[in-house]
């Protein structure tokens, strides 16, 4: 999401504020400690996933040191068959992020098409899509994923990503539909209809920007949900065992009785990475909510030179 789109979304919600004021608010938002911290955490893992594997040895290499504690040769110790935990943790970041971002993106697109499309179309189309959303929504997501994976024999990233995405879009679609039912009857949408604008243009130009905060929030939540779901599936043995993810690392550590032997270096790194990545996305979500939703903005008094600059005209006028 570019800065231009953010400014346009804020302007649409605030009735078209002065662009200079919006730019200043945007700069202030990106100085938010939460946004900086969240972006830094997520950015670190993204860079780790992209460039980390190029500087490491083979994470599946079998060494001679079994369940060895952290040392200079193995920064995070080894597994029960001598595999380097640090190399596995770094290499797992790529597949974990691919599953999370891919599933979140697919689920968000499906929710937009069904939620906004059905809400704007109305009539039979809306009722049919709403019924589909309700049916998917009442089915528990995790048991549904487990049942589907039990019958799907294909392994790899794509099947797991698609299955998680296609079972986690319903709640977001319901929220977008409710918002669309409210937005489609507003004056600017009715004016666009009266002027002969095409439906797809009204949806993309008039309705979609006003629902950007909900869409961004749903995407971030979808990424977190997909990462946690994959970790749970791998932990209970339903993931692809050949796929190296943080969830599979936790599963292997549990099966290897890492807790019993006190090999904390085997299960703490992947669990900590999942927690930190989820916290990073959550911080970004909170900051963007504050930026894009006028009701959540926190107006702070000016400090330092700006405060003195604003106080000087007031004194001179007195």
C-alpha atoms as a PDB file:
ATOM      1  CA  UNK A   1       0.000   0.000   0.000  1.00  0.00           C
ATOM      2  CA  UNK A   2       1.618   3.215  -1.189  1.00  0.00           C
ATOM      3  CA  UNK A   3       1.563   6.555   0.572  1.00  0.00           C
ATOM      4  CA  UNK A   4      -0.613   7.962  -2.220  1.00  0.00           C
ATOM      5  CA  UNK A   5      -3.282   5.332  -1.614  1.00  0.00           C
ATOM      6  CA  UNK A   6      -3.193   5.997   2.114  1.00  0.00           C
ATOM      7  CA  UNK A   7      -3.615   9.732   1.583  1.00  0.00           C
ATOM      8  CA  UNK A   8      -6.454   9.136  -0.857  1.00  0.00           C
ATOM      9  CA  UNK A   9      -8.201   6.844   1.596  1.00  0.00           C
ATOM     10  CA  UNK A  10      -7.899   9.362   4.415  1.00  0.00           C
ATOM     11  CA  UNK A  11      -9.122  12.154   2.172  1.00  0.00           C
ATOM     12  CA  UNK A  12     -12.150  10.105   1.178  1.00  0.00           C
ATOM     13  CA  UNK A  13     -13.083   9.573   4.812  1.00  0.00           C
ATOM     14  CA  UNK A  14     -12.440  13.110   5.985  1.00  0.00           C
ATOM     15  CA  UNK A  15     -14.282  14.818   3.165  1.00  0.00           C
ATOM     16  CA  UNK A  16     -11.216  15.900   1.193  1.00  0.00           C
ATOM     17  CA  UNK A  17      -8.860  17.596   3.641  1.00  0.00           C
ATOM     18  CA  UNK A  18      -6.053  19.812   2.554  1.00  0.00           C
ATOM     19  CA  UNK A  19      -3.334  17.656   0.903  1.00  0.00           C
ATOM     20  CA  UNK A  20      -0.619  19.404   2.895  1.00  0.00           C
ATOM     21  CA  UNK A  21      -2.344  18.598   6.134  1.00  0.00           C
ATOM     22  CA  UNK A  22      -2.826  14.992   5.050  1.00  0.00           C
ATOM     23  CA  UNK A  23       0.843  14.731   4.156  1.00  0.00           C
ATOM     24  CA  UNK A  24       1.812  16.091   7.556  1.00  0.00           C
ATOM     25  CA  UNK A  25      -0.478  13.602   9.250  1.00  0.00           C
ATOM     26  CA  UNK A  26       1.012  10.816   7.170  1.00  0.00           C
ATOM     27  CA  UNK A  27       4.527  11.808   8.196  1.00  0.00           C
ATOM     28  CA  UNK A  28       3.455  11.939  11.834  1.00  0.00           C
ATOM     29  CA  UNK A  29       1.919   8.479  11.535  1.00  0.00           C
ATOM     30  CA  UNK A  30       5.124   7.005  10.170  1.00  0.00           C
ATOM     31  CA  UNK A  31       6.930   8.473  13.166  1.00  0.00           C
ATOM     32  CA  UNK A  32       4.666   6.401  15.389  1.00  0.00           C
ATOM     33  CA  UNK A  33       6.737   4.093  17.628  1.00  0.00           C
ATOM     34  CA  UNK A  34       4.297   1.241  17.057  1.00  0.00           C
ATOM     35  CA  UNK A  35       4.449   1.523  13.281  1.00  0.00           C
ATOM     36  CA  UNK A  36       8.240   1.842  13.299  1.00  0.00           C
ATOM     37  CA  UNK A  37       8.598  -1.150  15.615  1.00  0.00           C
ATOM     38  CA  UNK A  38       6.115  -3.294  13.674  1.00  0.00           C
ATOM     39  CA  UNK A  39       7.630  -2.408  10.308  1.00  0.00           C
ATOM     40  CA  UNK A  40      11.110  -3.082  11.664  1.00  0.00           C
ATOM     41  CA  UNK A  41      10.159  -6.527  12.978  1.00  0.00           C
ATOM     42  CA  UNK A  42       8.338  -7.600   9.822  1.00  0.00           C
ATOM     43  CA  UNK A  43      11.025  -6.068   7.603  1.00  0.00           C
ATOM     44  CA  UNK A  44      13.712  -7.972   9.498  1.00  0.00           C
ATOM     45  CA  UNK A  45      11.983 -11.301   8.906  1.00  0.00           C
ATOM     46  CA  UNK A  46      11.329 -10.463   5.257  1.00  0.00           C
ATOM     47  CA  UNK A  47      15.020  -9.690   4.676  1.00  0.00           C
ATOM     48  CA  UNK A  48      15.929 -12.807   6.644  1.00  0.00           C
ATOM     49  CA  UNK A  49      13.669 -14.922   4.449  1.00  0.00           C
ATOM     50  CA  UNK A  50      14.999 -13.439   1.216  1.00  0.00           C
ATOM     51  CA  UNK A  51      18.737 -13.247   1.852  1.00  0.00           C
ATOM     52  CA  UNK A  52      19.344 -15.476   4.882  1.00  0.00           C
ATOM     53  CA  UNK A  53      19.467 -18.863   3.126  1.00  0.00           C
ATOM     54  CA  UNK A  54      22.213 -17.650   0.769  1.00  0.00           C
ATOM     55  CA  UNK A  55      24.663 -17.253   3.662  1.00  0.00           C
ATOM     56  CA  UNK A  56      23.971 -20.528   5.457  1.00  0.00           C
ATOM     57  CA  UNK A  57      24.864 -24.141   5.050  1.00  0.00           C
ATOM     58  CA  UNK A  58      22.330 -26.805   4.110  1.00  0.00           C
ATOM     59  CA  UNK A  59      19.735 -26.880   6.944  1.00  0.00           C
ATOM     60  CA  UNK A  60      19.106 -30.585   6.287  1.00  0.00           C
ATOM     61  CA  UNK A  61      22.770 -31.540   6.601  1.00  0.00           C
ATOM     62  CA  UNK A  62      23.287 -34.310   9.168  1.00  0.00           C
ATOM     63  CA  UNK A  63      26.120 -33.532  11.549  1.00  0.00           C
ATOM     64  CA  UNK A  64      27.893 -35.561  14.171  1.00  0.00           C
ATOM     65  CA  UNK A  65      26.788 -33.482  17.166  1.00  0.00           C
ATOM     66  CA  UNK A  66      23.355 -34.675  18.296  1.00  0.00           C
ATOM     67  CA  UNK A  67      21.226 -32.424  20.541  1.00  0.00           C
ATOM     68  CA  UNK A  68      24.260 -30.184  21.108  1.00  0.00           C
ATOM     69  CA  UNK A  69      23.856 -26.959  23.051  1.00  0.00           C
ATOM     70  CA  UNK A  70      24.494 -23.582  21.356  1.00  0.00           C
ATOM     71  CA  UNK A  71      28.157 -22.983  20.557  1.00  0.00           C
ATOM     72  CA  UNK A  72      30.356 -21.023  18.163  1.00  0.00           C
ATOM     73  CA  UNK A  73      29.974 -23.687  15.506  1.00  0.00           C
ATOM     74  CA  UNK A  74      26.210 -24.048  16.029  1.00  0.00           C
ATOM     75  CA  UNK A  75      24.714 -20.761  17.260  1.00  0.00           C
ATOM     76  CA  UNK A  76      21.390 -22.330  18.243  1.00  0.00           C
ATOM     77  CA  UNK A  77      22.550 -25.869  18.828  1.00  0.00           C
ATOM     78  CA  UNK A  78      21.565 -28.965  16.889  1.00  0.00           C
ATOM     79  CA  UNK A  79      18.680 -31.408  16.645  1.00  0.00           C
ATOM     80  CA  UNK A  80      18.670 -35.068  17.581  1.00  0.00           C
ATOM     81  CA  UNK A  81      20.136 -35.973  14.182  1.00  0.00           C
ATOM     82  CA  UNK A  82      22.732 -33.203  14.131  1.00  0.00           C
ATOM     83  CA  UNK A  83      20.925 -30.617  12.001  1.00  0.00           C
ATOM     84  CA  UNK A  84      21.783 -26.982  12.705  1.00  0.00           C
ATOM     85  CA  UNK A  85      18.825 -25.252  14.393  1.00  0.00           C
ATOM     86  CA  UNK A  86      19.945 -21.762  13.383  1.00  0.00           C
ATOM     87  CA  UNK A  87      20.099 -22.721   9.692  1.00  0.00           C
ATOM     88  CA  UNK A  88      16.681 -24.354   9.927  1.00  0.00           C
ATOM     89  CA  UNK A  89      15.167 -21.313  11.668  1.00  0.00           C
ATOM     90  CA  UNK A  90      16.449 -18.913   9.031  1.00  0.00           C
ATOM     91  CA  UNK A  91      15.482 -21.168   6.121  1.00  0.00           C
ATOM     92  CA  UNK A  92      11.989 -21.723   7.577  1.00  0.00           C
ATOM     93  CA  UNK A  93      11.226 -18.008   7.532  1.00  0.00           C
ATOM     94  CA  UNK A  94      10.763 -18.020   3.749  1.00  0.00           C
ATOM     95  CA  UNK A  95       8.164 -20.802   3.587  1.00  0.00           C
ATOM     96  CA  UNK A  96       6.346 -19.497   6.655  1.00  0.00           C
ATOM     97  CA  UNK A  97       6.017 -15.995   5.192  1.00  0.00           C
ATOM     98  CA  UNK A  98       5.005 -17.356   1.800  1.00  0.00           C
ATOM     99  CA  UNK A  99       2.171 -19.331   3.375  1.00  0.00           C
ATOM    100  CA  UNK A 100       1.065 -16.408   5.539  1.00  0.00           C
ATOM    101  CA  UNK A 101       1.167 -13.694   2.870  1.00  0.00           C
ATOM    102  CA  UNK A 102      -0.206 -15.963   0.137  1.00  0.00           C
ATOM    103  CA  UNK A 103      -3.139 -17.203   2.206  1.00  0.00           C
ATOM    104  CA  UNK A 104      -3.858 -13.714   3.537  1.00  0.00           C
ATOM    105  CA  UNK A 105      -3.845 -12.249   0.032  1.00  0.00           C
ATOM    106  CA  UNK A 106      -6.110 -14.932  -1.446  1.00  0.00           C
ATOM    107  CA  UNK A 107      -8.549 -14.738   1.471  1.00  0.00           C
ATOM    108  CA  UNK A 108      -8.658 -10.927   1.205  1.00  0.00           C
ATOM    109  CA  UNK A 109      -9.369 -11.022  -2.528  1.00  0.00           C
ATOM    110  CA  UNK A 110     -12.145 -13.572  -2.076  1.00  0.00           C
ATOM    111  CA  UNK A 111     -13.684 -11.540   0.750  1.00  0.00           C
ATOM    112  CA  UNK A 112     -13.596  -8.379  -1.379  1.00  0.00           C
ATOM    113  CA  UNK A 113     -15.275 -10.058  -4.349  1.00  0.00           C
ATOM    114  CA  UNK A 114     -17.971 -11.747  -2.268  1.00  0.00           C
ATOM    115  CA  UNK A 115     -18.462  -9.076   0.397  1.00  0.00           C
ATOM    116  CA  UNK A 116     -18.265  -5.861  -1.616  1.00  0.00           C
ATOM    117  CA  UNK A 117     -19.517  -7.369  -4.862  1.00  0.00           C
ATOM    118  CA  UNK A 118     -22.549  -8.980  -3.263  1.00  0.00           C
ATOM    119  CA  UNK A 119     -23.309  -6.005  -1.053  1.00  0.00           C
ATOM    120  CA  UNK A 120     -23.286  -3.602  -3.986  1.00  0.00           C
ATOM    121  CA  UNK A 121     -25.179  -5.869  -6.396  1.00  0.00           C
ATOM    122  CA  UNK A 122     -27.988  -6.636  -3.940  1.00  0.00           C
ATOM    123  CA  UNK A 123     -30.965  -8.808  -4.782  1.00  0.00           C
ATOM    124  CA  UNK A 124     -30.506 -12.492  -5.526  1.00  0.00           C
ATOM    125  CA  UNK A 125     -26.734 -12.173  -5.986  1.00  0.00           C
ATOM    126  CA  UNK A 126     -26.325 -10.681  -2.524  1.00  0.00           C
ATOM    127  CA  UNK A 127     -28.581 -13.294  -0.925  1.00  0.00           C
ATOM    128  CA  UNK A 128     -26.729 -16.175  -2.594  1.00  0.00           C
ATOM    129  CA  UNK A 129     -23.271 -14.883  -1.654  1.00  0.00           C
ATOM    130  CA  UNK A 130     -24.447 -14.036   1.851  1.00  0.00           C
ATOM    131  CA  UNK A 131     -25.781 -17.576   2.253  1.00  0.00           C
ATOM    132  CA  UNK A 132     -22.443 -18.962   1.080  1.00  0.00           C
ATOM    133  CA  UNK A 133     -20.617 -16.789   3.612  1.00  0.00           C
ATOM    134  CA  UNK A 134     -22.906 -17.900   6.418  1.00  0.00           C
ATOM    135  CA  UNK A 135     -22.440 -21.571   5.566  1.00  0.00           C
ATOM    136  CA  UNK A 136     -18.644 -21.252   5.539  1.00  0.00           C
ATOM    137  CA  UNK A 137     -18.715 -19.095   8.671  1.00  0.00           C
ATOM    138  CA  UNK A 138     -20.622 -21.574  10.847  1.00  0.00           C
ATOM    139  CA  UNK A 139     -18.210 -24.413  10.018  1.00  0.00           C
ATOM    140  CA  UNK A 140     -15.233 -24.451  12.431  1.00  0.00           C
ATOM    141  CA  UNK A 141     -12.199 -23.455  10.406  1.00  0.00           C
ATOM    142  CA  UNK A 142      -9.539 -25.698  11.916  1.00  0.00           C
ATOM    143  CA  UNK A 143     -11.577 -28.951  11.760  1.00  0.00           C
ATOM    144  CA  UNK A 144     -12.541 -28.080   8.174  1.00  0.00           C
ATOM    145  CA  UNK A 145      -8.896 -27.594   7.207  1.00  0.00           C
ATOM    146  CA  UNK A 146      -7.980 -30.861   8.898  1.00  0.00           C
ATOM    147  CA  UNK A 147     -10.688 -32.761   6.995  1.00  0.00           C
ATOM    148  CA  UNK A 148      -9.671 -31.242   3.659  1.00  0.00           C
ATOM    149  CA  UNK A 149      -5.979 -31.944   4.214  1.00  0.00           C
ATOM    150  CA  UNK A 150      -6.822 -35.541   5.116  1.00  0.00           C
ATOM    151  CA  UNK A 151      -8.267 -36.046   1.615  1.00  0.00           C
ATOM    152  CA  UNK A 152      -5.813 -33.899  -0.320  1.00  0.00           C
ATOM    153  CA  UNK A 153      -2.739 -35.955  -1.060  1.00  0.00           C
ATOM    154  CA  UNK A 154      -0.696 -33.232  -2.721  1.00  0.00           C
ATOM    155  CA  UNK A 155       2.014 -31.634  -0.628  1.00  0.00           C
ATOM    156  CA  UNK A 156       3.951 -28.409  -0.846  1.00  0.00           C
ATOM    157  CA  UNK A 157       3.286 -24.739  -0.257  1.00  0.00           C
ATOM    158  CA  UNK A 158       0.473 -24.134  -2.740  1.00  0.00           C
ATOM    159  CA  UNK A 159      -2.100 -26.689  -1.500  1.00  0.00           C
ATOM    160  CA  UNK A 160      -1.695 -25.664   2.145  1.00  0.00           C
ATOM    161  CA  UNK A 161      -1.860 -21.961   1.260  1.00  0.00           C
ATOM    162  CA  UNK A 162      -4.989 -22.325  -0.868  1.00  0.00           C
ATOM    163  CA  UNK A 163      -6.781 -24.545   1.654  1.00  0.00           C
ATOM    164  CA  UNK A 164      -6.124 -22.138   4.526  1.00  0.00           C
ATOM    165  CA  UNK A 165      -7.201 -19.162   2.392  1.00  0.00           C
ATOM    166  CA  UNK A 166     -10.430 -20.731   1.131  1.00  0.00           C
ATOM    167  CA  UNK A 167     -11.534 -21.578   4.657  1.00  0.00           C
ATOM    168  CA  UNK A 168     -10.805 -18.210   6.300  1.00  0.00           C
ATOM    169  CA  UNK A 169     -12.470 -15.532   4.131  1.00  0.00           C
ATOM    170  CA  UNK A 170     -16.055 -15.693   5.396  1.00  0.00           C
ATOM    171  CA  UNK A 171     -15.783 -13.429   8.459  1.00  0.00           C
ATOM    172  CA  UNK A 172     -14.023 -10.690   6.478  1.00  0.00           C
ATOM    173  CA  UNK A 173     -16.624 -10.935   3.706  1.00  0.00           C
ATOM    174  CA  UNK A 174     -19.450 -10.442   6.203  1.00  0.00           C
ATOM    175  CA  UNK A 175     -17.828  -7.291   7.576  1.00  0.00           C
ATOM    176  CA  UNK A 176     -17.209  -5.880   4.087  1.00  0.00           C
ATOM    177  CA  UNK A 177     -20.775  -6.659   3.025  1.00  0.00           C
ATOM    178  CA  UNK A 178     -22.223  -4.821   6.016  1.00  0.00           C
ATOM    179  CA  UNK A 179     -20.058  -1.792   5.292  1.00  0.00           C
ATOM    180  CA  UNK A 180     -20.938  -1.882   1.602  1.00  0.00           C
ATOM    181  CA  UNK A 181     -24.668  -1.923   2.370  1.00  0.00           C
ATOM    182  CA  UNK A 182     -24.127   1.320   4.268  1.00  0.00           C
ATOM    183  CA  UNK A 183     -21.821   2.991   1.747  1.00  0.00           C
ATOM    184  CA  UNK A 184     -23.815   2.220  -1.400  1.00  0.00           C
ATOM    185  CA  UNK A 185     -26.692   4.481  -0.304  1.00  0.00           C
ATOM    186  CA  UNK A 186     -24.551   7.548   0.402  1.00  0.00           C
ATOM    187  CA  UNK A 187     -24.875  10.694  -1.650  1.00  0.00           C
ATOM    188  CA  UNK A 188     -21.656  10.427  -3.661  1.00  0.00           C
ATOM    189  CA  UNK A 189     -22.462   6.848  -4.705  1.00  0.00           C
ATOM    190  CA  UNK A 190     -25.999   7.802  -5.713  1.00  0.00           C
ATOM    191  CA  UNK A 191     -24.606  10.781  -7.628  1.00  0.00           C
ATOM    192  CA  UNK A 192     -22.166   8.498  -9.469  1.00  0.00           C
ATOM    193  CA  UNK A 193     -25.019   6.196 -10.423  1.00  0.00           C
ATOM    194  CA  UNK A 194     -27.126   9.109 -11.612  1.00  0.00           C
ATOM    195  CA  UNK A 195     -24.255  10.367 -13.777  1.00  0.00           C
ATOM    196  CA  UNK A 196     -24.102   7.031 -15.579  1.00  0.00           C
ATOM    197  CA  UNK A 197     -20.905   5.637 -14.066  1.00  0.00           C
ATOM    198  CA  UNK A 198     -20.350   1.937 -14.603  1.00  0.00           C
ATOM    199  CA  UNK A 199     -20.781  -0.385 -11.656  1.00  0.00           C
ATOM    200  CA  UNK A 200     -17.181  -1.591 -11.611  1.00  0.00           C
ATOM    201  CA  UNK A 201     -15.935   1.990 -11.587  1.00  0.00           C
ATOM    202  CA  UNK A 202     -18.242   2.944  -8.729  1.00  0.00           C
ATOM    203  CA  UNK A 203     -17.016  -0.023  -6.711  1.00  0.00           C
ATOM    204  CA  UNK A 204     -13.328   0.677  -7.366  1.00  0.00           C
ATOM    205  CA  UNK A 205     -13.383   4.475  -7.102  1.00  0.00           C
ATOM    206  CA  UNK A 206     -16.210   5.310  -4.698  1.00  0.00           C
ATOM    207  CA  UNK A 207     -16.688   2.288  -2.419  1.00  0.00           C
ATOM    208  CA  UNK A 208     -13.372   0.445  -2.207  1.00  0.00           C
ATOM    209  CA  UNK A 209     -11.253   3.377  -0.889  1.00  0.00           C
ATOM    210  CA  UNK A 210     -13.731   3.951   1.943  1.00  0.00           C
ATOM    211  CA  UNK A 211     -13.341   0.342   3.061  1.00  0.00           C
ATOM    212  CA  UNK A 212      -9.551   0.343   2.852  1.00  0.00           C
ATOM    213  CA  UNK A 213      -9.034   0.278   6.653  1.00  0.00           C
ATOM    214  CA  UNK A 214     -11.165  -2.864   6.936  1.00  0.00           C
ATOM    215  CA  UNK A 215      -9.414  -4.508   3.991  1.00  0.00           C
ATOM    216  CA  UNK A 216      -5.940  -3.800   5.356  1.00  0.00           C
ATOM    217  CA  UNK A 217      -6.932  -5.057   8.785  1.00  0.00           C
ATOM    218  CA  UNK A 218      -8.445  -8.224   7.306  1.00  0.00           C
ATOM    219  CA  UNK A 219      -5.298  -8.889   5.274  1.00  0.00           C
ATOM    220  CA  UNK A 220      -2.996  -8.542   8.269  1.00  0.00           C
ATOM    221  CA  UNK A 221      -5.257 -10.729  10.377  1.00  0.00           C
ATOM    222  CA  UNK A 222      -5.353 -13.277   7.549  1.00  0.00           C
ATOM    223  CA  UNK A 223      -1.545 -13.427   7.446  1.00  0.00           C
ATOM    224  CA  UNK A 224      -1.318 -14.014  11.197  1.00  0.00           C
ATOM    225  CA  UNK A 225      -4.112 -16.594  11.107  1.00  0.00           C
ATOM    226  CA  UNK A 226      -2.491 -18.500   8.231  1.00  0.00           C
ATOM    227  CA  UNK A 227       0.890 -18.674   9.983  1.00  0.00           C
ATOM    228  CA  UNK A 228      -0.675 -19.919  13.217  1.00  0.00           C
ATOM    229  CA  UNK A 229      -2.919 -22.393  11.390  1.00  0.00           C
ATOM    230  CA  UNK A 230       0.001 -23.877   9.493  1.00  0.00           C
ATOM    231  CA  UNK A 231       1.944 -24.190  12.736  1.00  0.00           C
ATOM    232  CA  UNK A 232      -0.969 -26.029  14.376  1.00  0.00           C
ATOM    233  CA  UNK A 233      -1.411 -28.345  11.383  1.00  0.00           C
ATOM    234  CA  UNK A 234       2.288 -29.151  11.326  1.00  0.00           C
ATOM    235  CA  UNK A 235       2.347 -29.700  15.080  1.00  0.00           C
ATOM    236  CA  UNK A 236      -0.421 -32.322  14.900  1.00  0.00           C
ATOM    237  CA  UNK A 237       1.243 -34.022  11.949  1.00  0.00           C
ATOM    238  CA  UNK A 238      -1.005 -32.897   9.068  1.00  0.00           C
ATOM    239  CA  UNK A 239       1.485 -30.646   7.307  1.00  0.00           C
ATOM    240  CA  UNK A 240       3.972 -31.596   4.640  1.00  0.00           C
ATOM    241  CA  UNK A 241       6.905 -33.139   6.561  1.00  0.00           C
ATOM    242  CA  UNK A 242       9.329 -32.243   3.758  1.00  0.00           C
ATOM    243  CA  UNK A 243       8.429 -28.553   4.046  1.00  0.00           C
ATOM    244  CA  UNK A 244      10.710 -26.610   6.366  1.00  0.00           C
ATOM    245  CA  UNK A 245       8.624 -24.129   8.372  1.00  0.00           C
ATOM    246  CA  UNK A 246       8.610 -22.941  11.956  1.00  0.00           C
ATOM    247  CA  UNK A 247       5.563 -25.087  12.602  1.00  0.00           C
ATOM    248  CA  UNK A 248       7.335 -28.190  11.321  1.00  0.00           C
ATOM    249  CA  UNK A 249      10.317 -27.357  13.513  1.00  0.00           C
ATOM    250  CA  UNK A 250       8.055 -27.294  16.570  1.00  0.00           C
ATOM    251  CA  UNK A 251       6.543 -30.601  15.516  1.00  0.00           C
ATOM    252  CA  UNK A 252       9.953 -32.210  15.103  1.00  0.00           C
ATOM    253  CA  UNK A 253      11.092 -30.840  18.461  1.00  0.00           C
ATOM    254  CA  UNK A 254       8.015 -32.274  20.162  1.00  0.00           C
ATOM    255  CA  UNK A 255       8.433 -35.665  18.512  1.00  0.00           C
ATOM    256  CA  UNK A 256      12.106 -35.639  19.432  1.00  0.00           C
ATOM    257  CA  UNK A 257      11.200 -35.029  23.111  1.00  0.00           C
ATOM    258  CA  UNK A 258      13.109 -31.764  23.250  1.00  0.00           C
ATOM    259  CA  UNK A 259      11.187 -30.761  26.367  1.00  0.00           C
ATOM    260  CA  UNK A 260      12.108 -33.965  28.166  1.00  0.00           C
ATOM    261  CA  UNK A 261      15.827 -33.688  27.459  1.00  0.00           C
ATOM    262  CA  UNK A 262      15.911 -29.930  28.131  1.00  0.00           C
ATOM    263  CA  UNK A 263      16.873 -28.957  24.579  1.00  0.00           C
ATOM    264  CA  UNK A 264      15.274 -25.515  24.772  1.00  0.00           C
ATOM    265  CA  UNK A 265      17.324 -24.281  21.812  1.00  0.00           C
ATOM    266  CA  UNK A 266      15.351 -26.643  19.567  1.00  0.00           C
ATOM    267  CA  UNK A 267      11.808 -25.346  20.183  1.00  0.00           C
ATOM    268  CA  UNK A 268      12.278 -21.796  21.565  1.00  0.00           C
ATOM    269  CA  UNK A 269      13.660 -20.152  18.346  1.00  0.00           C
ATOM    270  CA  UNK A 270      10.772 -21.161  16.027  1.00  0.00           C
ATOM    271  CA  UNK A 271       8.167 -20.383  18.683  1.00  0.00           C
ATOM    272  CA  UNK A 272       9.755 -17.023  19.421  1.00  0.00           C
ATOM    273  CA  UNK A 273       9.903 -16.176  15.710  1.00  0.00           C
ATOM    274  CA  UNK A 274       6.186 -16.907  15.296  1.00  0.00           C
ATOM    275  CA  UNK A 275       5.376 -14.724  18.306  1.00  0.00           C
ATOM    276  CA  UNK A 276       7.584 -11.836  17.163  1.00  0.00           C
ATOM    277  CA  UNK A 277       6.254 -11.917  13.621  1.00  0.00           C
ATOM    278  CA  UNK A 278       2.664 -11.915  14.883  1.00  0.00           C
ATOM    279  CA  UNK A 279       3.452  -9.006  17.187  1.00  0.00           C
ATOM    280  CA  UNK A 280       5.013  -7.070  14.308  1.00  0.00           C
ATOM    281  CA  UNK A 281       1.930  -7.480  12.119  1.00  0.00           C
ATOM    282  CA  UNK A 282      -0.317  -6.556  15.045  1.00  0.00           C
ATOM    283  CA  UNK A 283       1.619  -3.325  15.692  1.00  0.00           C
ATOM    284  CA  UNK A 284       1.334  -2.384  12.020  1.00  0.00           C
ATOM    285  CA  UNK A 285      -2.386  -3.129  12.121  1.00  0.00           C
ATOM    286  CA  UNK A 286      -2.954  -0.902  15.167  1.00  0.00           C
ATOM    287  CA  UNK A 287      -0.974   1.962  13.607  1.00  0.00           C
ATOM    288  CA  UNK A 288      -2.753   1.775  10.261  1.00  0.00           C
ATOM    289  CA  UNK A 289      -6.123   1.669  12.024  1.00  0.00           C
ATOM    290  CA  UNK A 290      -5.208   4.894  13.787  1.00  0.00           C
ATOM    291  CA  UNK A 291      -4.070   6.428  10.502  1.00  0.00           C
ATOM    292  CA  UNK A 292      -7.000   5.402   8.305  1.00  0.00           C
ATOM    293  CA  UNK A 293      -9.843   5.604  10.831  1.00  0.00           C
ATOM    294  CA  UNK A 294     -10.568   9.185  11.980  1.00  0.00           C
ATOM    295  CA  UNK A 295     -12.285   7.949  15.151  1.00  0.00           C
ATOM    296  CA  UNK A 296      -9.105   6.235  16.351  1.00  0.00           C
ATOM    297  CA  UNK A 297      -6.684   9.082  15.760  1.00  0.00           C
ATOM    298  CA  UNK A 298      -4.857  10.453  18.743  1.00  0.00           C
ATOM    299  CA  UNK A 299      -4.125  14.168  18.505  1.00  0.00           C
ATOM    300  CA  UNK A 300      -1.018  15.040  20.449  1.00  0.00           C
ATOM    301  CA  UNK A 301      -0.045  18.612  21.348  1.00  0.00           C
ATOM    302  CA  UNK A 302       2.870  20.065  19.446  1.00  0.00           C
ATOM    303  CA  UNK A 303       6.223  19.991  21.188  1.00  0.00           C
ATOM    304  CA  UNK A 304       9.498  21.849  20.952  1.00  0.00           C
ATOM    305  CA  UNK A 305       9.947  24.410  18.191  1.00  0.00           C
ATOM    306  CA  UNK A 306       6.498  23.856  16.684  1.00  0.00           C
ATOM    307  CA  UNK A 307       4.822  24.586  20.006  1.00  0.00           C
ATOM    308  CA  UNK A 308       6.841  27.791  20.471  1.00  0.00           C
ATOM    309  CA  UNK A 309       6.164  28.828  16.879  1.00  0.00           C
ATOM    310  CA  UNK A 310       2.413  28.444  17.436  1.00  0.00           C
ATOM    311  CA  UNK A 311       2.552  30.307  20.739  1.00  0.00           C
ATOM    312  CA  UNK A 312       4.316  33.425  19.351  1.00  0.00           C
ATOM    313  CA  UNK A 313       1.413  34.684  17.196  1.00  0.00           C
ATOM    314  CA  UNK A 314      -0.988  34.198  20.070  1.00  0.00           C
ATOM    315  CA  UNK A 315       1.184  36.344  22.361  1.00  0.00           C
ATOM    316  CA  UNK A 316       1.605  39.104  19.775  1.00  0.00           C
ATOM    317  CA  UNK A 317      -2.138  39.281  19.175  1.00  0.00           C
ATOM    318  CA  UNK A 318      -2.757  39.704  22.898  1.00  0.00           C
END
